[in-house]
Amino acid sequence: MYALGVLSANKTIQESEKERLFTDFDISIYDLENVDIDSLQGIILQKNEQIQIEKLFQWLIKVRESPLKPIWILSNEPLGEEKIIYLKLGVTGFLVESDTFDEIAWTIKNGLHCMTVEKERGFYLDPSSFTVLISDTKLVLTKLEYMLLDYLYTSGNKVRTYEEIAHYLWEKEEVPPKYRVANLIFHIRQKIKTIDIKYADVIKTVRSKGYRLNLPDESIK
């Protein structure tokens, strides 16, 4: 069962819809202003004339301080260029009230499921804040550290050479020296060690070749 917090100035979700979400989609709805955020798996923030934009941003900032969870903005019409602002603040996606109930429900259910699967791995990367969630603890990385870790993560078991990593991180430079890559790897390892020792060797050095990600077996389901 998923717990979904909703910030709304009116009863956006009717009682009959709440019942369907509960019985057909395993989603329970809670008033965001009267529930512990850490107990939720996802959040919907309604954007309309009744909710001031300042309040919306305050909630986005507050939510980012809690364990990672998907956030949707629900509006009565499609948003324009302002979407990019919300995405930079960590919003996962956007819902429009004119969409059918099933479209909205499945969008939420799929998003909650994906987040749950990734968290069960014990290792989750969040591009909106350059953070990695390890064993339920959020670790803040620099932009380059995050890019490197994400590059290895998306490469699966493939070994990435020093040259490939350097080109990915500093593509506008000619050929950055190997020590710059090695230095970044060192700092990432040191940060991760402080979170969970079983992830100490999460970045494996393949001698004379490069690096690959080496997640513990129990973190891969």
Foldseek 3Di string as FASTA:
>chain_A
DFEEEEADPDCLDDPVLQVCCCPPQVYHYDHNVPDDLQRHQEYEYEDDPVDDPVNVLVVLVVNVVHFDHEYEYEYQDDDDPCVVVVVLSPHDYYHHSPDDSVVVSVVVSVRSVVVVLLVQLQWAARPSQCWIGHNNDIFHDDPLLSQLVVVQVVVAQDFDFLQRSQCSRCVVDDGDDSVVVVVSVVVNLVRVCVPPVQCNCQWPADPPGHTHGDRDPSSHD
